[in-house]
Amino acid sequence: MLAGDNMAALRFSLLVAYLAVPALAYAHGGGLDAYGCHHNRKAGGYHCHRGPLAGQVFMSKDAMLKELSKRNAESSKTPRKN
């Protein structure tokens, strides 16, 4: 059997896990589109989790598409090594 302090620590750990797991699962709802991005319904804006723009935040999907187009144009100008 666990001593008083150990039992309190175990209960506290279980409480933290009980509260944290659902929060992590619910913290970020919404599927990603073909670009690996989605709208943030609560705060507004549009951000990306996957793809070439992962980790970036935009005012809108249109702003993201402009940046993606700009990057694609820049990469097509760069000569490729064989």
C-alpha atoms as a PDB file:
ATOM      1  CA  MET A   1       0.000   0.000   0.000  1.00  0.00           C
ATOM      2  CA  LEU A   2       1.183   3.541  -0.703  1.00  0.00           C
ATOM      3  CA  ALA A   3       2.120   5.961   2.076  1.00  0.00           C
ATOM      4  CA  GLY A   4       0.135   9.202   2.496  1.00  0.00           C
ATOM      5  CA  ASP A   5       2.491  11.472   0.496  1.00  0.00           C
ATOM      6  CA  ASN A   6       2.862   8.920  -2.290  1.00  0.00           C
ATOM      7  CA  MET A   7      -0.898   8.450  -2.484  1.00  0.00           C
ATOM      8  CA  ALA A   8      -1.430  12.214  -2.699  1.00  0.00           C
ATOM      9  CA  ALA A   9       1.179  12.465  -5.481  1.00  0.00           C
ATOM     10  CA  LEU A  10      -0.485   9.613  -7.362  1.00  0.00           C
ATOM     11  CA  ARG A  11      -3.916  11.229  -7.052  1.00  0.00           C
ATOM     12  CA  PHE A  12      -2.533  14.566  -8.224  1.00  0.00           C
ATOM     13  CA  SER A  13      -0.839  12.912 -11.240  1.00  0.00           C
ATOM     14  CA  LEU A  14      -4.034  11.102 -12.178  1.00  0.00           C
ATOM     15  CA  LEU A  15      -6.025  14.323 -11.879  1.00  0.00           C
ATOM     16  CA  VAL A  16      -3.584  16.174 -14.140  1.00  0.00           C
ATOM     17  CA  ALA A  17      -3.687  13.354 -16.715  1.00  0.00           C
ATOM     18  CA  TYR A  18      -7.486  13.230 -16.527  1.00  0.00           C
ATOM     19  CA  LEU A  19      -7.729  16.966 -17.221  1.00  0.00           C
ATOM     20  CA  ALA A  20      -4.927  17.197 -19.794  1.00  0.00           C
ATOM     21  CA  VAL A  21      -5.816  14.359 -22.154  1.00  0.00           C
ATOM     22  CA  PRO A  22      -9.260  15.652 -23.200  1.00  0.00           C
ATOM     23  CA  ALA A  23      -7.886  19.188 -23.492  1.00  0.00           C
ATOM     24  CA  LEU A  24      -5.168  18.012 -25.857  1.00  0.00           C
ATOM     25  CA  ALA A  25      -7.633  16.047 -27.951  1.00  0.00           C
ATOM     26  CA  TYR A  26     -10.079  18.958 -28.180  1.00  0.00           C
ATOM     27  CA  ALA A  27      -7.537  21.764 -28.414  1.00  0.00           C
ATOM     28  CA  HIS A  28      -7.401  21.770 -32.162  1.00  0.00           C
ATOM     29  CA  GLY A  29     -10.466  20.725 -34.060  1.00  0.00           C
ATOM     30  CA  GLY A  30     -11.051  21.000 -37.774  1.00  0.00           C
ATOM     31  CA  GLY A  31      -9.745  19.026 -40.672  1.00  0.00           C
ATOM     32  CA  LEU A  32      -6.982  20.163 -42.948  1.00  0.00           C
ATOM     33  CA  ASP A  33      -7.554  21.042 -46.576  1.00  0.00           C
ATOM     34  CA  ALA A  34      -5.450  19.859 -49.521  1.00  0.00           C
ATOM     35  CA  TYR A  35      -2.772  22.433 -48.607  1.00  0.00           C
ATOM     36  CA  GLY A  36      -2.440  21.106 -45.048  1.00  0.00           C
ATOM     37  CA  CYS A  37      -4.132  24.232 -43.651  1.00  0.00           C
ATOM     38  CA  HIS A  38      -7.448  25.315 -42.137  1.00  0.00           C
ATOM     39  CA  HIS A  39      -9.385  28.283 -40.741  1.00  0.00           C
ATOM     40  CA  ASN A  40      -9.144  29.121 -37.061  1.00  0.00           C
ATOM     41  CA  ARG A  41     -12.809  29.597 -36.239  1.00  0.00           C
ATOM     42  CA  LYS A  42     -12.244  31.023 -32.741  1.00  0.00           C
ATOM     43  CA  ALA A  43      -9.442  33.527 -33.359  1.00  0.00           C
ATOM     44  CA  GLY A  44      -9.947  34.029 -37.078  1.00  0.00           C
ATOM     45  CA  GLY A  45      -7.291  33.646 -39.717  1.00  0.00           C
ATOM     46  CA  TYR A  46      -5.934  30.661 -41.528  1.00  0.00           C
ATOM     47  CA  HIS A  47      -2.909  28.550 -40.626  1.00  0.00           C
ATOM     48  CA  CYS A  48      -0.981  25.569 -41.912  1.00  0.00           C
ATOM     49  CA  HIS A  49       0.191  22.397 -40.175  1.00  0.00           C
ATOM     50  CA  ARG A  50       1.651  20.535 -43.143  1.00  0.00           C
ATOM     51  CA  GLY A  51       3.192  21.294 -46.497  1.00  0.00           C
ATOM     52  CA  PRO A  52       5.581  24.051 -47.549  1.00  0.00           C
ATOM     53  CA  LEU A  53       3.822  26.655 -45.381  1.00  0.00           C
ATOM     54  CA  ALA A  54       3.624  24.579 -42.176  1.00  0.00           C
ATOM     55  CA  GLY A  55       3.738  26.708 -39.046  1.00  0.00           C
ATOM     56  CA  GLN A  56       2.709  29.919 -40.780  1.00  0.00           C
ATOM     57  CA  VAL A  57      -0.388  32.003 -40.088  1.00  0.00           C
ATOM     58  CA  PHE A  58      -2.272  34.055 -42.687  1.00  0.00           C
ATOM     59  CA  MET A  59      -5.156  36.495 -42.610  1.00  0.00           C
ATOM     60  CA  SER A  60      -7.093  34.332 -45.079  1.00  0.00           C
ATOM     61  CA  LYS A  61      -6.863  31.384 -47.443  1.00  0.00           C
ATOM     62  CA  ASP A  62      -6.392  33.853 -50.295  1.00  0.00           C
ATOM     63  CA  ALA A  63      -3.347  35.325 -48.537  1.00  0.00           C
ATOM     64  CA  MET A  64      -1.923  31.816 -48.131  1.00  0.00           C
ATOM     65  CA  LEU A  65      -2.517  31.035 -51.800  1.00  0.00           C
ATOM     66  CA  LYS A  66      -0.700  34.228 -52.841  1.00  0.00           C
ATOM     67  CA  GLU A  67       2.308  33.286 -50.690  1.00  0.00           C
ATOM     68  CA  LEU A  68       2.288  29.737 -52.045  1.00  0.00           C
ATOM     69  CA  SER A  69       2.133  31.049 -55.614  1.00  0.00           C
ATOM     70  CA  LYS A  70       5.010  33.437 -54.904  1.00  0.00           C
ATOM     71  CA  ARG A  71       7.139  30.617 -53.487  1.00  0.00           C
ATOM     72  CA  ASN A  72       6.353  28.346 -56.417  1.00  0.00           C
ATOM     73  CA  ALA A  73       7.344  31.105 -58.871  1.00  0.00           C
ATOM     74  CA  GLU A  74      10.618  31.706 -57.003  1.00  0.00           C
ATOM     75  CA  SER A  75      11.503  28.026 -56.918  1.00  0.00           C
ATOM     76  CA  SER A  76      10.831  27.638 -60.647  1.00  0.00           C
ATOM     77  CA  LYS A  77      13.347  30.440 -61.373  1.00  0.00           C
ATOM     78  CA  THR A  78      16.114  28.695 -59.423  1.00  0.00           C
ATOM     79  CA  PRO A  79      18.234  26.453 -61.685  1.00  0.00           C
ATOM     80  CA  ARG A  80      18.280  22.840 -60.603  1.00  0.00           C
ATOM     81  CA  LYS A  81      21.449  20.851 -60.229  1.00  0.00           C
ATOM     82  CA  ASN A  82      21.732  17.568 -62.090  1.00  0.00           C
END
